Amino acid sequence: MKAIGKTQTEAEGAEKKGDYFAIGLRVGLGPYHYNHQLEPKSILILLVGGRLEDERGKVVGSQLGKMNKNKNMAREQHEEENALVIWNISNCPIPDGHDPLQVVPRIQTALEKLRRDRPYGPLSITAISNNLTEIPGEDVMRKLSSTGISLKHAHGVQTDLYQWASRNPPPATIMVITVHEELEHLASTFSGLEEEGYIILPTYPQPNPAPPSLPKLCFWETLLSDADNKLVTTSRLIFHGTGGYPWSCSVCYFDAPILEDFTNHLKSETHAYFEWDRFARKNKIDRTNPANMQLGRSEEWDLLAKPDMIRRAEVLKLRGAFAPPRSRPVDAKSFKEPFKSGE
């Protein structure tokens, strides 16, 4: 491929010096061949003396760089990006002395700082826990809900990440607030989302001592106490919940239109049963054995446990030789409920 205005030797030297660049590639146009692996049949554009020329020496875009710069600047100034904050409140609780009502503006201003104080589009914040009635407790739950935070009973954040991403294409930003161990577990998920164009912002409790190489935004405590936060935000906060409701339980597939319905559900025998059923399934407990089913615990429990036990026994009978081997018996002391029924 011929370099405009240069011999092959001069072009090779210019390549090393960075005097010109190729935006595209078209193989075999002349004695000088640019051997980088780009798509064939595209156009070679070289920067010569401040001008953009094609392989015929025609100026094709002296204003191209300026136009792209202006376009990017306009996009940054006017384009709003959706943002999601997933907060595992079980392992990143609100530190003592911090007002729950200030969590939302602290998060909002931290995110807006990344865009040089330009607002995001719709911002969703979801606090997830497998024991919300204990951490953070009903009083804090009520305060968080009043500020626009969705509350969800769940045992992880990965499902929410995928669900939100499926409805909010990039460019978009996802902040995940949890402990370092869970962030490591989500590393492959983050990598896939970043490849699609999402910006991932992991935030976790500050180690002691904190590595100086890590930015302040990484630390949960610093984000909440940052004196630079102006606490005046313009991002639009919207509820992120299943079924259109801001309170949900992923274990029971339950959505609540009001907070009181949600807290009552978390204290119910129905919720306790499905938590136990999840535990039994993960630990391969034989749920066809009546001795394992805690029958007689309550009428509500029995109405759920007995039909499930009978159905599973029938399925195993039909499968016959193809049924999986019998699971180990349950250890009655191995399951710890997140609350005591009736509290």
C-alpha atoms as a PDB file:
ATOM      1  CA  MET A   1       0.000   0.000   0.000  1.00  0.00           C
ATOM      2  CA  LYS A   2       1.439   3.383  -0.973  1.00  0.00           C
ATOM      3  CA  ALA A   3       1.882   6.001   1.707  1.00  0.00           C
ATOM      4  CA  ILE A   4       0.809   9.389   0.393  1.00  0.00           C
ATOM      5  CA  GLY A   5       3.712  11.689  -0.356  1.00  0.00           C
ATOM      6  CA  LYS A   6       6.332   9.239   0.908  1.00  0.00           C
ATOM      7  CA  THR A   7       8.512   6.493  -0.474  1.00  0.00           C
ATOM      8  CA  GLN A   8       8.235   3.038   1.038  1.00  0.00           C
ATOM      9  CA  THR A   9      11.337   3.648   3.164  1.00  0.00           C
ATOM     10  CA  GLU A  10      10.075   7.035   4.299  1.00  0.00           C
ATOM     11  CA  ALA A  11       6.659   5.587   5.069  1.00  0.00           C
ATOM     12  CA  GLU A  12       8.140   2.818   7.184  1.00  0.00           C
ATOM     13  CA  GLY A  13      10.145   5.386   9.102  1.00  0.00           C
ATOM     14  CA  ALA A  14       7.135   7.593   9.514  1.00  0.00           C
ATOM     15  CA  GLU A  15       5.180   4.622  10.863  1.00  0.00           C
ATOM     16  CA  LYS A  16       7.733   4.207  13.631  1.00  0.00           C
ATOM     17  CA  LYS A  17       7.615   7.900  14.446  1.00  0.00           C
ATOM     18  CA  GLY A  18       3.846   8.017  14.416  1.00  0.00           C
ATOM     19  CA  ASP A  19       3.739  10.736  11.714  1.00  0.00           C
ATOM     20  CA  TYR A  20       0.616   9.249  10.176  1.00  0.00           C
ATOM     21  CA  PHE A  21      -2.055   6.771  11.091  1.00  0.00           C
ATOM     22  CA  ALA A  22      -4.399   4.355   9.358  1.00  0.00           C
ATOM     23  CA  ILE A  23      -8.102   4.621  10.104  1.00  0.00           C
ATOM     24  CA  GLY A  24      -8.937   1.719   7.805  1.00  0.00           C
ATOM     25  CA  LEU A  25      -7.144  -0.800   5.574  1.00  0.00           C
ATOM     26  CA  ARG A  26      -7.244  -1.765   1.958  1.00  0.00           C
ATOM     27  CA  VAL A  27      -4.790  -4.488   1.067  1.00  0.00           C
ATOM     28  CA  GLY A  28      -2.698  -4.549  -2.115  1.00  0.00           C
ATOM     29  CA  LEU A  29      -3.079  -1.038  -3.537  1.00  0.00           C
ATOM     30  CA  GLY A  30       0.567  -0.441  -4.164  1.00  0.00           C
ATOM     31  CA  PRO A  31       4.150  -1.406  -3.337  1.00  0.00           C
ATOM     32  CA  TYR A  32       3.776  -0.472   0.334  1.00  0.00           C
ATOM     33  CA  HIS A  33       1.490  -2.884   2.190  1.00  0.00           C
ATOM     34  CA  TYR A  34       0.181  -2.104   5.646  1.00  0.00           C
ATOM     35  CA  ASN A  35       0.276  -5.521   7.314  1.00  0.00           C
ATOM     36  CA  HIS A  36      -1.915  -4.911  10.385  1.00  0.00           C
ATOM     37  CA  GLN A  37      -4.841  -7.308  10.604  1.00  0.00           C
ATOM     38  CA  LEU A  38      -7.844  -5.104   9.879  1.00  0.00           C
ATOM     39  CA  GLU A  39     -10.873  -5.711   7.693  1.00  0.00           C
ATOM     40  CA  PRO A  40     -10.173  -5.834   3.925  1.00  0.00           C
ATOM     41  CA  LYS A  41     -11.841  -3.475   1.421  1.00  0.00           C
ATOM     42  CA  SER A  42     -11.877  -0.605   3.881  1.00  0.00           C
ATOM     43  CA  ILE A  43     -10.206   2.704   3.072  1.00  0.00           C
ATOM     44  CA  LEU A  44      -6.724   3.754   4.068  1.00  0.00           C
ATOM     45  CA  ILE A  45      -6.607   7.286   5.406  1.00  0.00           C
ATOM     46  CA  LEU A  46      -3.222   8.826   6.208  1.00  0.00           C
ATOM     47  CA  LEU A  47      -2.416  11.953   8.130  1.00  0.00           C
ATOM     48  CA  VAL A  48       0.011  13.966   6.024  1.00  0.00           C
ATOM     49  CA  GLY A  49       0.988  17.495   6.981  1.00  0.00           C
ATOM     50  CA  GLY A  50      -2.086  17.859   9.145  1.00  0.00           C
ATOM     51  CA  ARG A  51      -4.438  16.654   6.364  1.00  0.00           C
ATOM     52  CA  LEU A  52      -6.359  13.391   6.032  1.00  0.00           C
ATOM     53  CA  GLU A  53      -5.780  11.819   2.589  1.00  0.00           C
ATOM     54  CA  ASP A  54      -6.866   8.580   0.971  1.00  0.00           C
ATOM     55  CA  GLU A  55      -4.614   6.355  -1.149  1.00  0.00           C
ATOM     56  CA  ARG A  56      -5.213   8.590  -4.194  1.00  0.00           C
ATOM     57  CA  GLY A  57      -3.921  11.677  -2.402  1.00  0.00           C
ATOM     58  CA  LYS A  58      -7.376  13.241  -2.099  1.00  0.00           C
ATOM     59  CA  VAL A  59      -8.173  15.139   1.048  1.00  0.00           C
ATOM     60  CA  VAL A  60     -11.123  13.232   2.469  1.00  0.00           C
ATOM     61  CA  GLY A  61     -11.552  14.587   5.948  1.00  0.00           C
ATOM     62  CA  SER A  62      -9.535  17.538   7.125  1.00  0.00           C
ATOM     63  CA  GLN A  63     -12.356  18.243   9.560  1.00  0.00           C
ATOM     64  CA  LEU A  64     -13.021  14.606  10.492  1.00  0.00           C
ATOM     65  CA  GLY A  65     -11.146  14.694  13.776  1.00  0.00           C
ATOM     66  CA  LYS A  66     -12.785  17.960  14.756  1.00  0.00           C
ATOM     67  CA  MET A  67     -16.248  16.645  13.842  1.00  0.00           C
ATOM     68  CA  ASN A  68     -15.771  13.488  15.901  1.00  0.00           C
ATOM     69  CA  LYS A  69     -14.507  15.501  18.856  1.00  0.00           C
ATOM     70  CA  ASN A  70     -17.497  17.826  18.699  1.00  0.00           C
ATOM     71  CA  LYS A  71     -19.834  14.860  18.350  1.00  0.00           C
ATOM     72  CA  ASN A  72     -18.363  13.146  21.414  1.00  0.00           C
ATOM     73  CA  MET A  73     -18.512  16.347  23.423  1.00  0.00           C
ATOM     74  CA  ALA A  74     -22.149  16.847  22.481  1.00  0.00           C
ATOM     75  CA  ARG A  75     -22.936  13.271  23.414  1.00  0.00           C
ATOM     76  CA  GLU A  76     -21.251  13.645  26.806  1.00  0.00           C
ATOM     77  CA  GLN A  77     -23.128  16.865  27.468  1.00  0.00           C
ATOM     78  CA  HIS A  78     -26.609  15.780  26.434  1.00  0.00           C
ATOM     79  CA  GLU A  79     -26.856  12.002  26.486  1.00  0.00           C
ATOM     80  CA  GLU A  80     -28.211  10.525  29.674  1.00  0.00           C
ATOM     81  CA  GLU A  81     -27.114   7.057  30.709  1.00  0.00           C
ATOM     82  CA  ASN A  82     -29.175   4.788  32.895  1.00  0.00           C
ATOM     83  CA  ALA A  83     -27.551   3.575  36.087  1.00  0.00           C
ATOM     84  CA  LEU A  84     -28.172   0.751  38.538  1.00  0.00           C
ATOM     85  CA  VAL A  85     -26.914   0.428  42.103  1.00  0.00           C
ATOM     86  CA  ILE A  86     -27.148  -3.034  43.669  1.00  0.00           C
ATOM     87  CA  TRP A  87     -26.410  -2.846  47.381  1.00  0.00           C
ATOM     88  CA  ASN A  88     -25.960  -5.997  49.459  1.00  0.00           C
ATOM     89  CA  ILE A  89     -27.036  -4.446  52.720  1.00  0.00           C
ATOM     90  CA  SER A  90     -26.405  -7.663  54.683  1.00  0.00           C
ATOM     91  CA  ASN A  91     -22.635  -7.471  54.312  1.00  0.00           C
ATOM     92  CA  CYS A  92     -22.369  -3.707  53.705  1.00  0.00           C
ATOM     93  CA  PRO A  93     -24.714  -2.258  56.323  1.00  0.00           C
ATOM     94  CA  ILE A  94     -25.029   1.449  57.012  1.00  0.00           C
ATOM     95  CA  PRO A  95     -22.148   2.320  59.386  1.00  0.00           C
ATOM     96  CA  ASP A  96     -23.003   3.576  62.842  1.00  0.00           C
ATOM     97  CA  GLY A  97     -23.613   7.289  62.956  1.00  0.00           C
ATOM     98  CA  HIS A  98     -24.782   7.603  59.341  1.00  0.00           C
ATOM     99  CA  ASP A  99     -28.295   8.772  58.522  1.00  0.00           C
ATOM    100  CA  PRO A 100     -30.185   6.256  56.316  1.00  0.00           C
ATOM    101  CA  LEU A 101     -31.957   9.196  54.671  1.00  0.00           C
ATOM    102  CA  GLN A 102     -28.607  10.430  53.314  1.00  0.00           C
ATOM    103  CA  VAL A 103     -27.627   7.168  51.585  1.00  0.00           C
ATOM    104  CA  VAL A 104     -29.412   8.001  48.329  1.00  0.00           C
ATOM    105  CA  PRO A 105     -27.983  11.513  47.837  1.00  0.00           C
ATOM    106  CA  ARG A 106     -24.493  10.264  48.723  1.00  0.00           C
ATOM    107  CA  ILE A 107     -24.715   7.562  46.068  1.00  0.00           C
ATOM    108  CA  GLN A 108     -26.242   9.933  43.530  1.00  0.00           C
ATOM    109  CA  THR A 109     -23.578  12.588  43.916  1.00  0.00           C
ATOM    110  CA  ALA A 110     -20.789   9.999  43.840  1.00  0.00           C
ATOM    111  CA  LEU A 111     -22.088   8.729  40.504  1.00  0.00           C
ATOM    112  CA  GLU A 112     -22.586  12.217  39.098  1.00  0.00           C
ATOM    113  CA  LYS A 113     -18.997  13.113  39.965  1.00  0.00           C
ATOM    114  CA  LEU A 114     -17.882  10.455  37.511  1.00  0.00           C
ATOM    115  CA  ARG A 115     -19.747  12.353  34.791  1.00  0.00           C
ATOM    116  CA  ARG A 116     -18.384  15.719  35.924  1.00  0.00           C
ATOM    117  CA  ASP A 117     -21.604  16.590  37.732  1.00  0.00           C
ATOM    118  CA  ARG A 118     -23.745  15.850  34.694  1.00  0.00           C
ATOM    119  CA  PRO A 119     -26.849  13.828  35.644  1.00  0.00           C
ATOM    120  CA  TYR A 120     -27.551  10.250  34.814  1.00  0.00           C
ATOM    121  CA  GLY A 121     -30.831   9.266  33.302  1.00  0.00           C
ATOM    122  CA  PRO A 122     -33.098   7.013  35.375  1.00  0.00           C
ATOM    123  CA  LEU A 123     -31.185   5.734  38.410  1.00  0.00           C
ATOM    124  CA  SER A 124     -32.312   2.597  40.249  1.00  0.00           C
ATOM    125  CA  ILE A 125     -31.026   1.619  43.704  1.00  0.00           C
ATOM    126  CA  THR A 126     -31.902  -1.782  45.136  1.00  0.00           C
ATOM    127  CA  ALA A 127     -30.916  -2.960  48.608  1.00  0.00           C
ATOM    128  CA  ILE A 128     -30.690  -6.756  48.797  1.00  0.00           C
ATOM    129  CA  SER A 129     -30.517  -8.960  51.875  1.00  0.00           C
ATOM    130  CA  ASN A 130     -31.480 -12.457  52.949  1.00  0.00           C
ATOM    131  CA  ASN A 131     -32.614 -11.110  56.314  1.00  0.00           C
ATOM    132  CA  LEU A 132     -34.000  -7.618  55.856  1.00  0.00           C
ATOM    133  CA  THR A 133     -36.087  -7.630  59.033  1.00  0.00           C
ATOM    134  CA  GLU A 134     -32.863  -7.979  61.045  1.00  0.00           C
ATOM    135  CA  ILE A 135     -30.390  -6.095  58.826  1.00  0.00           C
ATOM    136  CA  PRO A 136     -31.157  -3.262  58.464  1.00  0.00           C
ATOM    137  CA  GLY A 137     -34.383  -3.761  60.458  1.00  0.00           C
ATOM    138  CA  GLU A 138     -37.878  -2.478  59.834  1.00  0.00           C
ATOM    139  CA  ASP A 139     -37.257   1.106  60.929  1.00  0.00           C
ATOM    140  CA  VAL A 140     -34.329   1.558  58.539  1.00  0.00           C
ATOM    141  CA  MET A 141     -36.226  -0.300  55.808  1.00  0.00           C
ATOM    142  CA  ARG A 142     -38.996   2.269  56.102  1.00  0.00           C
ATOM    143  CA  LYS A 143     -36.535   5.179  55.874  1.00  0.00           C
ATOM    144  CA  LEU A 144     -34.732   3.731  52.874  1.00  0.00           C
ATOM    145  CA  SER A 145     -38.005   3.075  51.068  1.00  0.00           C
ATOM    146  CA  SER A 146     -39.085   6.669  51.648  1.00  0.00           C
ATOM    147  CA  THR A 147     -36.010   7.859  49.722  1.00  0.00           C
ATOM    148  CA  GLY A 148     -36.720   5.704  46.658  1.00  0.00           C
ATOM    149  CA  ILE A 149     -34.640   2.600  47.345  1.00  0.00           C
ATOM    150  CA  SER A 150     -36.168  -0.729  46.315  1.00  0.00           C
ATOM    151  CA  LEU A 151     -35.890  -3.562  48.850  1.00  0.00           C
ATOM    152  CA  LYS A 152     -35.474  -7.184  47.857  1.00  0.00           C
ATOM    153  CA  HIS A 153     -35.110 -10.406  49.784  1.00  0.00           C
ATOM    154  CA  ALA A 154     -32.529 -12.444  47.883  1.00  0.00           C
ATOM    155  CA  HIS A 155     -29.379 -14.506  48.389  1.00  0.00           C
ATOM    156  CA  GLY A 156     -27.292 -12.824  45.692  1.00  0.00           C
ATOM    157  CA  VAL A 157     -27.139  -9.986  43.190  1.00  0.00           C
ATOM    158  CA  GLN A 158     -26.277 -11.743  39.930  1.00  0.00           C
ATOM    159  CA  THR A 159     -29.854 -12.278  38.745  1.00  0.00           C
ATOM    160  CA  ASP A 160     -30.659  -8.596  39.216  1.00  0.00           C
ATOM    161  CA  LEU A 161     -27.602  -7.596  37.214  1.00  0.00           C
ATOM    162  CA  TYR A 162     -28.677  -9.667  34.216  1.00  0.00           C
ATOM    163  CA  GLN A 163     -32.332  -8.646  34.449  1.00  0.00           C
ATOM    164  CA  TRP A 164     -31.527  -4.960  34.564  1.00  0.00           C
ATOM    165  CA  ALA A 165     -28.957  -5.213  31.755  1.00  0.00           C
ATOM    166  CA  SER A 166     -31.497  -6.980  29.521  1.00  0.00           C
ATOM    167  CA  ARG A 167     -33.786  -3.941  29.803  1.00  0.00           C
ATOM    168  CA  ASN A 168     -31.103  -1.232  29.782  1.00  0.00           C
ATOM    169  CA  PRO A 169     -28.603  -1.540  26.937  1.00  0.00           C
ATOM    170  CA  PRO A 170     -25.214   0.183  27.129  1.00  0.00           C
ATOM    171  CA  PRO A 171     -23.912   2.766  27.555  1.00  0.00           C
ATOM    172  CA  ALA A 172     -24.977   2.403  31.186  1.00  0.00           C
ATOM    173  CA  THR A 173     -23.372   2.215  34.601  1.00  0.00           C
ATOM    174  CA  ILE A 174     -23.709  -0.460  37.286  1.00  0.00           C
ATOM    175  CA  MET A 175     -22.450   0.040  40.834  1.00  0.00           C
ATOM    176  CA  VAL A 176     -22.296  -3.047  43.051  1.00  0.00           C
ATOM    177  CA  ILE A 177     -21.871  -2.514  46.798  1.00  0.00           C
ATOM    178  CA  THR A 178     -20.852  -5.692  48.584  1.00  0.00           C
ATOM    179  CA  VAL A 179     -17.895  -7.399  50.244  1.00  0.00           C
ATOM    180  CA  HIS A 180     -14.728  -8.179  48.334  1.00  0.00           C
ATOM    181  CA  GLU A 181     -15.425 -11.926  48.340  1.00  0.00           C
ATOM    182  CA  GLU A 182     -18.721 -11.550  46.500  1.00  0.00           C
ATOM    183  CA  LEU A 183     -17.132  -9.149  44.024  1.00  0.00           C
ATOM    184  CA  GLU A 184     -14.514 -11.798  43.241  1.00  0.00           C
ATOM    185  CA  HIS A 185     -17.314 -14.324  42.682  1.00  0.00           C
ATOM    186  CA  LEU A 186     -18.923 -11.892  40.213  1.00  0.00           C
ATOM    187  CA  ALA A 187     -15.700 -11.219  38.307  1.00  0.00           C
ATOM    188  CA  SER A 188     -16.716 -13.169  35.200  1.00  0.00           C
ATOM    189  CA  THR A 189     -20.140 -11.515  35.191  1.00  0.00           C
ATOM    190  CA  PHE A 190     -18.528  -8.081  35.387  1.00  0.00           C
ATOM    191  CA  SER A 191     -16.147  -8.974  32.581  1.00  0.00           C
ATOM    192  CA  GLY A 192     -19.004  -9.977  30.293  1.00  0.00           C
ATOM    193  CA  LEU A 193     -20.962  -6.809  31.056  1.00  0.00           C
ATOM    194  CA  GLU A 194     -17.902  -4.632  30.460  1.00  0.00           C
ATOM    195  CA  GLU A 195     -17.342  -6.281  27.085  1.00  0.00           C
ATOM    196  CA  GLU A 196     -20.888  -5.292  26.158  1.00  0.00           C
ATOM    197  CA  GLY A 197     -20.176  -1.670  27.055  1.00  0.00           C
ATOM    198  CA  TYR A 198     -21.308  -1.300  30.668  1.00  0.00           C
ATOM    199  CA  ILE A 199     -19.259   0.612  33.209  1.00  0.00           C
ATOM    200  CA  ILE A 200     -18.856  -1.427  36.421  1.00  0.00           C
ATOM    201  CA  LEU A 201     -18.155   0.340  39.718  1.00  0.00           C
ATOM    202  CA  PRO A 202     -17.386  -2.102  42.556  1.00  0.00           C
ATOM    203  CA  THR A 203     -17.702  -0.631  46.050  1.00  0.00           C
ATOM    204  CA  TYR A 204     -16.807  -2.507  49.233  1.00  0.00           C
ATOM    205  CA  PRO A 205     -15.896  -1.999  52.906  1.00  0.00           C
ATOM    206  CA  GLN A 206     -12.564  -0.272  53.339  1.00  0.00           C
ATOM    207  CA  PRO A 207      -9.675  -2.585  54.244  1.00  0.00           C
ATOM    208  CA  ASN A 208      -7.438  -1.643  57.098  1.00  0.00           C
ATOM    209  CA  PRO A 209      -5.044  -0.219  56.036  1.00  0.00           C
ATOM    210  CA  ALA A 210      -6.461   0.873  52.673  1.00  0.00           C
ATOM    211  CA  PRO A 211      -4.142   0.427  49.652  1.00  0.00           C
ATOM    212  CA  PRO A 212      -3.222   3.935  48.412  1.00  0.00           C
ATOM    213  CA  SER A 213      -3.667   2.848  44.790  1.00  0.00           C
ATOM    214  CA  LEU A 214      -7.412   2.345  45.155  1.00  0.00           C
ATOM    215  CA  PRO A 215      -9.732   5.302  44.449  1.00  0.00           C
ATOM    216  CA  LYS A 216     -11.895   6.624  47.261  1.00  0.00           C
ATOM    217  CA  LEU A 217     -15.054   5.657  45.392  1.00  0.00           C
ATOM    218  CA  CYS A 218     -14.167   1.991  45.959  1.00  0.00           C
ATOM    219  CA  PHE A 219     -14.796   2.293  49.686  1.00  0.00           C
ATOM    220  CA  TRP A 220     -18.304   2.128  51.076  1.00  0.00           C
ATOM    221  CA  GLU A 221     -17.555   4.105  54.225  1.00  0.00           C
ATOM    222  CA  THR A 222     -15.769   6.847  52.303  1.00  0.00           C
ATOM    223  CA  LEU A 223     -18.593   7.169  49.819  1.00  0.00           C
ATOM    224  CA  LEU A 224     -21.068   7.738  52.648  1.00  0.00           C
ATOM    225  CA  SER A 225     -18.909  10.231  54.520  1.00  0.00           C
ATOM    226  CA  ASP A 226     -17.273  12.111  51.641  1.00  0.00           C
ATOM    227  CA  ALA A 227     -17.271  15.752  52.728  1.00  0.00           C
ATOM    228  CA  ASP A 228     -16.941  16.824  49.096  1.00  0.00           C
ATOM    229  CA  ASN A 229     -20.386  15.517  48.264  1.00  0.00           C
ATOM    230  CA  LYS A 230     -22.622  18.493  47.728  1.00  0.00           C
ATOM    231  CA  LEU A 231     -25.815  16.501  48.405  1.00  0.00           C
ATOM    232  CA  VAL A 232     -27.650  18.349  45.621  1.00  0.00           C
ATOM    233  CA  THR A 233     -28.559  15.886  42.899  1.00  0.00           C
ATOM    234  CA  THR A 234     -30.398  15.993  39.595  1.00  0.00           C
ATOM    235  CA  SER A 235     -30.572  12.288  38.699  1.00  0.00           C
ATOM    236  CA  ARG A 236     -34.058  10.823  38.466  1.00  0.00           C
ATOM    237  CA  LEU A 237     -34.463   7.997  40.957  1.00  0.00           C
ATOM    238  CA  ILE A 238     -36.892   5.242  39.949  1.00  0.00           C
ATOM    239  CA  PHE A 239     -37.901   2.030  41.672  1.00  0.00           C
ATOM    240  CA  HIS A 240     -36.330  -1.135  40.319  1.00  0.00           C
ATOM    241  CA  GLY A 241     -38.412  -4.124  41.257  1.00  0.00           C
ATOM    242  CA  THR A 242     -40.089  -7.158  39.788  1.00  0.00           C
ATOM    243  CA  GLY A 243     -43.730  -6.904  38.845  1.00  0.00           C
ATOM    244  CA  GLY A 244     -43.569  -3.135  38.961  1.00  0.00           C
ATOM    245  CA  TYR A 245     -43.364  -3.056  42.767  1.00  0.00           C
ATOM    246  CA  PRO A 246     -40.405  -1.804  44.825  1.00  0.00           C
ATOM    247  CA  TRP A 247     -40.620  -4.614  47.424  1.00  0.00           C
ATOM    248  CA  SER A 248     -40.030  -8.209  46.362  1.00  0.00           C
ATOM    249  CA  CYS A 249     -38.892 -11.633  47.527  1.00  0.00           C
ATOM    250  CA  SER A 250     -36.968 -13.699  44.991  1.00  0.00           C
ATOM    251  CA  VAL A 251     -37.254 -16.883  47.074  1.00  0.00           C
ATOM    252  CA  CYS A 252     -41.071 -16.880  47.109  1.00  0.00           C
ATOM    253  CA  TYR A 253     -41.614 -14.900  43.868  1.00  0.00           C
ATOM    254  CA  PHE A 254     -43.612 -12.415  45.911  1.00  0.00           C
ATOM    255  CA  ASP A 255     -44.114  -8.737  45.050  1.00  0.00           C
ATOM    256  CA  ALA A 256     -45.650  -6.240  47.459  1.00  0.00           C
ATOM    257  CA  PRO A 257     -47.387  -2.955  46.615  1.00  0.00           C
ATOM    258  CA  ILE A 258     -46.740  -1.543  50.107  1.00  0.00           C
ATOM    259  CA  LEU A 259     -43.940  -1.974  52.636  1.00  0.00           C
ATOM    260  CA  GLU A 260     -46.208  -3.427  55.338  1.00  0.00           C
ATOM    261  CA  ASP A 261     -47.258  -6.280  53.037  1.00  0.00           C
ATOM    262  CA  PHE A 262     -43.599  -6.980  52.357  1.00  0.00           C
ATOM    263  CA  THR A 263     -42.524  -7.091  55.998  1.00  0.00           C
ATOM    264  CA  ASN A 264     -45.539  -9.256  56.886  1.00  0.00           C
ATOM    265  CA  HIS A 265     -44.548 -11.680  54.140  1.00  0.00           C
ATOM    266  CA  LEU A 266     -40.990 -11.930  55.450  1.00  0.00           C
ATOM    267  CA  LYS A 267     -42.393 -12.944  58.849  1.00  0.00           C
ATOM    268  CA  SER A 268     -44.881 -15.444  57.461  1.00  0.00           C
ATOM    269  CA  GLU A 269     -44.793 -19.235  57.604  1.00  0.00           C
ATOM    270  CA  THR A 270     -45.049 -19.268  53.816  1.00  0.00           C
ATOM    271  CA  HIS A 271     -41.754 -17.428  53.533  1.00  0.00           C
ATOM    272  CA  ALA A 272     -40.189 -19.623  56.210  1.00  0.00           C
ATOM    273  CA  TYR A 273     -41.239 -22.748  54.316  1.00  0.00           C
ATOM    274  CA  PHE A 274     -39.785 -21.619  50.996  1.00  0.00           C
ATOM    275  CA  GLU A 275     -36.548 -20.610  52.709  1.00  0.00           C
ATOM    276  CA  TRP A 276     -36.355 -24.062  54.258  1.00  0.00           C
ATOM    277  CA  ASP A 277     -37.213 -25.659  50.892  1.00  0.00           C
ATOM    278  CA  ARG A 278     -34.394 -23.725  49.245  1.00  0.00           C
ATOM    279  CA  PHE A 279     -31.997 -24.868  51.964  1.00  0.00           C
ATOM    280  CA  ALA A 280     -33.147 -28.484  51.623  1.00  0.00           C
ATOM    281  CA  ARG A 281     -32.772 -28.433  47.846  1.00  0.00           C
ATOM    282  CA  LYS A 282     -29.256 -26.968  47.969  1.00  0.00           C
ATOM    283  CA  ASN A 283     -28.181 -29.466  50.627  1.00  0.00           C
ATOM    284  CA  LYS A 284     -29.832 -32.458  48.899  1.00  0.00           C
ATOM    285  CA  ILE A 285     -32.154 -33.266  51.769  1.00  0.00           C
ATOM    286  CA  ASP A 286     -34.724 -35.971  51.065  1.00  0.00           C
ATOM    287  CA  ARG A 287     -37.985 -34.038  50.818  1.00  0.00           C
ATOM    288  CA  THR A 288     -40.072 -37.169  50.305  1.00  0.00           C
ATOM    289  CA  ASN A 289     -39.385 -38.338  53.854  1.00  0.00           C
ATOM    290  CA  PRO A 290     -42.069 -37.039  56.280  1.00  0.00           C
ATOM    291  CA  ALA A 291     -39.516 -37.016  59.094  1.00  0.00           C
ATOM    292  CA  ASN A 292     -37.601 -34.288  57.268  1.00  0.00           C
ATOM    293  CA  MET A 293     -40.557 -32.041  56.479  1.00  0.00           C
ATOM    294  CA  GLN A 294     -41.215 -30.567  59.956  1.00  0.00           C
ATOM    295  CA  LEU A 295     -44.885 -31.474  59.623  1.00  0.00           C
ATOM    296  CA  GLY A 296     -47.096 -30.191  62.418  1.00  0.00           C
ATOM    297  CA  ARG A 297     -45.153 -26.971  62.767  1.00  0.00           C
ATOM    298  CA  SER A 298     -48.175 -24.899  61.711  1.00  0.00           C
ATOM    299  CA  GLU A 299     -51.281 -25.211  59.565  1.00  0.00           C
ATOM    300  CA  GLU A 300     -49.850 -22.835  56.971  1.00  0.00           C
ATOM    301  CA  TRP A 301     -46.606 -24.840  56.817  1.00  0.00           C
ATOM    302  CA  ASP A 302     -48.419 -28.167  56.432  1.00  0.00           C
ATOM    303  CA  LEU A 303     -50.592 -26.807  53.597  1.00  0.00           C
ATOM    304  CA  LEU A 304     -47.409 -26.218  51.640  1.00  0.00           C
ATOM    305  CA  ALA A 305     -45.214 -29.102  52.803  1.00  0.00           C
ATOM    306  CA  LYS A 306     -47.629 -32.028  52.412  1.00  0.00           C
ATOM    307  CA  PRO A 307     -48.578 -31.457  48.742  1.00  0.00           C
ATOM    308  CA  ASP A 308     -44.932 -30.847  47.850  1.00  0.00           C
ATOM    309  CA  MET A 309     -43.872 -34.061  49.592  1.00  0.00           C
ATOM    310  CA  ILE A 310     -46.561 -36.120  47.828  1.00  0.00           C
ATOM    311  CA  ARG A 311     -45.789 -34.598  44.435  1.00  0.00           C
ATOM    312  CA  ARG A 312     -42.083 -35.329  44.749  1.00  0.00           C
ATOM    313  CA  ALA A 313     -42.749 -38.917  45.819  1.00  0.00           C
ATOM    314  CA  GLU A 314     -44.975 -39.428  42.764  1.00  0.00           C
ATOM    315  CA  VAL A 315     -42.360 -37.982  40.446  1.00  0.00           C
ATOM    316  CA  LEU A 316     -39.683 -40.285  41.858  1.00  0.00           C
ATOM    317  CA  LYS A 317     -41.995 -43.272  41.475  1.00  0.00           C
ATOM    318  CA  LEU A 318     -42.668 -42.451  37.827  1.00  0.00           C
ATOM    319  CA  ARG A 319     -38.981 -41.972  37.088  1.00  0.00           C
ATOM    320  CA  GLY A 320     -38.124 -45.357  38.602  1.00  0.00           C
ATOM    321  CA  ALA A 321     -34.633 -46.456  37.648  1.00  0.00           C
ATOM    322  CA  PHE A 322     -33.887 -42.993  36.272  1.00  0.00           C
ATOM    323  CA  ALA A 323     -34.467 -41.337  39.650  1.00  0.00           C
ATOM    324  CA  PRO A 324     -31.404 -39.816  41.337  1.00  0.00           C
ATOM    325  CA  PRO A 325     -29.969 -41.628  44.355  1.00  0.00           C
ATOM    326  CA  ARG A 326     -31.544 -41.020  47.739  1.00  0.00           C
ATOM    327  CA  SER A 327     -30.282 -37.895  49.447  1.00  0.00           C
ATOM    328  CA  ARG A 328     -28.782 -37.872  52.888  1.00  0.00           C
ATOM    329  CA  PRO A 329     -31.109 -37.369  55.876  1.00  0.00           C
ATOM    330  CA  VAL A 330     -31.592 -33.875  57.203  1.00  0.00           C
ATOM    331  CA  ASP A 331     -29.744 -32.520  60.176  1.00  0.00           C
ATOM    332  CA  ALA A 332     -32.477 -30.755  62.118  1.00  0.00           C
ATOM    333  CA  LYS A 333     -29.956 -28.332  63.615  1.00  0.00           C
ATOM    334  CA  SER A 334     -28.294 -27.373  60.336  1.00  0.00           C
ATOM    335  CA  PHE A 335     -30.999 -24.994  59.129  1.00  0.00           C
ATOM    336  CA  LYS A 336     -31.054 -21.596  60.769  1.00  0.00           C
ATOM    337  CA  GLU A 337     -34.110 -19.488  60.141  1.00  0.00           C
ATOM    338  CA  PRO A 338     -33.590 -15.783  59.467  1.00  0.00           C
ATOM    339  CA  PHE A 339     -36.229 -15.006  62.091  1.00  0.00           C
ATOM    340  CA  LYS A 340     -38.442 -16.673  64.644  1.00  0.00           C
ATOM    341  CA  SER A 341     -41.980 -17.226  63.512  1.00  0.00           C
ATOM    342  CA  GLY A 342     -44.438 -14.885  65.123  1.00  0.00           C
ATOM    343  CA  GLU A 343     -41.970 -12.104  65.933  1.00  0.00           C
END
